[in-house]
Amino acid sequence: MDLYYNFSLYIHGPYCRALAEDYYENPSAIVNLKTDYILNECECQNADKIKEKILEHNFAGKYEAEFLEAVSTIIFLKQTSPNFSDDDIFEKVKSIKPHLKEYMIIIANNIAKELLFKPEYLTDEIKKELELWDNIS
């Protein structure tokens, strides 16, 4: 989704001062979750993916804030530093957010990969390998 805001990495993840100013200027809209904006089909699909992969994840209940922080930070890093390996991502998140548990960073990285995955990259070879893994008993 293009929110038309520019984000940078901050204490609890991606942050945008202009967005913060906008939501502080419209507190009733935020509290009531009201807007005139209508999501397009692609944005609806993205919102559904976020709900399914993050908000309905097992961690979301007990560790919602930390889990959202981990996933959003990793997505931000993957988009701003596409050459980072999984190890680079892990080390960076661990160094800037030492309060996050290691297993949460690993799971958040996997969720980020799922959310950023482009279906056109799913080749027949990858599909076959995934089927093999799914059929292991």
Protein backbone atom coordinates (compact mmCIF):
# COMPACT_ATOMS: atom_id res chain seq x y z
CA MET A 1 0.00 0.00 0.00
CA ASP A 2 1.26 3.44 -0.80
CA LEU A 3 0.38 5.62 2.17
CA TYR A 4 2.05 8.70 0.63
CA TYR A 5 4.16 9.12 3.74
CA ASN A 6 7.92 8.69 4.10
CA PHE A 7 8.98 6.45 6.96
CA SER A 8 12.27 6.01 8.79
CA LEU A 9 13.32 3.53 11.43
CA TYR A 10 12.54 4.73 14.93
CA ILE A 11 12.27 3.28 18.43
CA HIS A 12 9.40 0.83 17.87
CA GLY A 13 9.67 0.39 14.12
CA PRO A 14 8.93 2.48 11.04
CA TYR A 15 7.83 6.02 11.93
CA CYS A 16 6.62 9.06 10.02
CA ARG A 17 6.34 12.46 11.67
CA ALA A 18 3.80 13.72 9.05
CA LEU A 19 1.55 10.71 9.69
CA ALA A 20 1.81 11.23 13.45
CA GLU A 21 0.84 14.87 13.03
CA ASP A 22 -2.14 13.85 10.88
CA TYR A 23 -3.48 11.38 13.43
CA TYR A 24 -2.95 13.80 16.32
CA GLU A 25 -4.96 16.41 14.39
CA ASN A 26 -7.83 13.92 13.88
CA PRO A 27 -8.19 12.05 17.20
CA SER A 28 -11.90 11.28 16.83
CA ALA A 29 -11.34 9.67 13.42
CA ILE A 30 -8.62 7.49 14.93
CA VAL A 31 -10.62 6.48 18.00
CA ASN A 32 -13.72 5.72 15.92
CA LEU A 33 -11.73 4.24 13.02
CA LYS A 34 -13.69 6.40 10.56
CA THR A 35 -12.52 7.57 7.18
CA ASP A 36 -13.93 8.57 3.81
CA TYR A 37 -11.19 6.63 2.06
CA ILE A 38 -12.28 3.44 0.28
CA LEU A 39 -9.70 0.71 -0.13
CA ASN A 40 -9.20 -0.58 -3.66
CA GLU A 41 -9.12 -4.32 -4.37
CA CYS A 42 -5.34 -4.63 -3.98
CA GLU A 43 -5.39 -2.70 -0.70
CA CYS A 44 -8.20 -4.94 0.59
CA GLN A 45 -6.15 -8.02 -0.25
CA ASN A 46 -3.14 -6.54 1.55
CA ALA A 47 -5.25 -5.68 4.60
CA ASP A 48 -6.62 -9.24 4.64
CA LYS A 49 -3.07 -10.66 4.45
CA ILE A 50 -1.97 -8.45 7.35
CA LYS A 51 -4.96 -9.53 9.39
CA GLU A 52 -4.41 -13.22 8.64
CA LYS A 53 -0.62 -13.35 8.94
CA ILE A 54 -0.06 -10.88 11.80
CA LEU A 55 -3.17 -9.93 13.76
CA GLU A 56 -4.53 -13.49 13.91
CA HIS A 57 -1.14 -15.09 14.60
CA ASN A 58 -0.65 -16.87 17.94
CA PHE A 59 1.75 -14.13 19.11
CA ALA A 60 -0.74 -11.36 18.40
CA GLY A 61 -2.82 -12.16 21.46
CA LYS A 62 -0.17 -12.12 24.15
CA TYR A 63 2.62 -10.16 22.45
CA GLU A 64 0.76 -7.99 19.94
CA ALA A 65 2.82 -4.81 20.29
CA GLU A 66 6.17 -6.62 20.19
CA PHE A 67 5.09 -8.82 17.29
CA LEU A 68 3.86 -5.84 15.25
CA GLU A 69 7.10 -4.04 16.08
CA ALA A 70 9.20 -6.99 14.93
CA VAL A 71 7.29 -7.60 11.67
CA SER A 72 7.06 -3.93 10.69
CA THR A 73 10.75 -3.36 11.42
CA ILE A 74 11.79 -6.38 9.36
CA ILE A 75 9.55 -5.39 6.44
CA PHE A 76 11.05 -1.88 6.58
CA LEU A 77 14.59 -3.32 6.58
CA LYS A 78 13.82 -5.73 3.73
CA GLN A 79 12.46 -2.87 1.62
CA THR A 80 15.23 -0.38 2.40
CA SER A 81 18.11 -2.90 2.39
CA PRO A 82 17.12 -5.57 -0.15
CA ASN A 83 20.62 -7.10 -0.14
CA PHE A 84 20.41 -7.97 3.56
CA SER A 85 20.49 -11.71 4.20
CA ASP A 86 18.32 -13.34 6.85
CA ASP A 87 21.36 -13.31 9.14
CA ASP A 88 21.88 -9.59 8.48
CA ILE A 89 18.21 -8.89 9.27
CA PHE A 90 18.40 -10.94 12.47
CA GLU A 91 21.57 -9.21 13.66
CA LYS A 92 20.26 -5.73 12.85
CA VAL A 93 16.93 -6.27 14.61
CA LYS A 94 18.63 -7.89 17.60
CA SER A 95 21.03 -4.96 17.91
CA ILE A 96 18.43 -2.17 17.64
CA LYS A 97 15.71 -4.00 19.55
CA PRO A 98 17.41 -6.16 22.20
CA HIS A 99 14.10 -6.52 24.11
CA LEU A 100 12.65 -8.72 21.32
CA LYS A 101 13.10 -12.43 21.88
CA GLU A 102 15.18 -14.27 19.27
CA TYR A 103 12.39 -16.69 18.35
CA MET A 104 10.04 -13.75 17.76
CA ILE A 105 12.52 -12.15 15.35
CA ILE A 106 12.82 -15.42 13.43
CA ILE A 107 9.05 -15.91 13.21
CA ALA A 108 8.54 -12.24 12.30
CA ASN A 109 11.13 -12.62 9.51
CA ASN A 110 9.22 -15.58 8.10
CA ILE A 111 5.95 -13.63 8.25
CA ALA A 112 7.62 -10.67 6.51
CA LYS A 113 8.81 -12.98 3.74
CA GLU A 114 5.28 -14.29 3.28
CA LEU A 115 3.82 -10.79 3.16
CA LEU A 116 6.42 -9.56 0.66
CA PHE A 117 6.39 -12.67 -1.53
CA LYS A 118 5.40 -12.01 -5.14
CA PRO A 119 3.40 -14.85 -6.72
CA GLU A 120 5.30 -14.53 -10.00
CA TYR A 121 8.37 -15.90 -8.18
CA LEU A 122 6.58 -19.18 -7.45
CA THR A 123 8.09 -21.35 -10.16
CA ASP A 124 7.13 -24.96 -10.87
CA GLU A 125 10.41 -26.05 -9.28
CA ILE A 126 9.62 -24.19 -6.06
CA LYS A 127 6.05 -25.54 -6.06
CA LYS A 128 7.38 -29.11 -6.28
CA GLU A 129 9.80 -28.52 -3.41
CA LEU A 130 7.04 -26.99 -1.27
CA GLU A 131 4.83 -30.01 -1.98
CA LEU A 132 7.63 -32.33 -0.85
CA TRP A 133 7.98 -30.41 2.42
CA ASP A 134 4.21 -30.36 2.94
CA ASN A 135 4.02 -34.13 2.46
CA ILE A 136 6.66 -34.99 5.06
CA SER A 137 4.99 -36.86 7.88
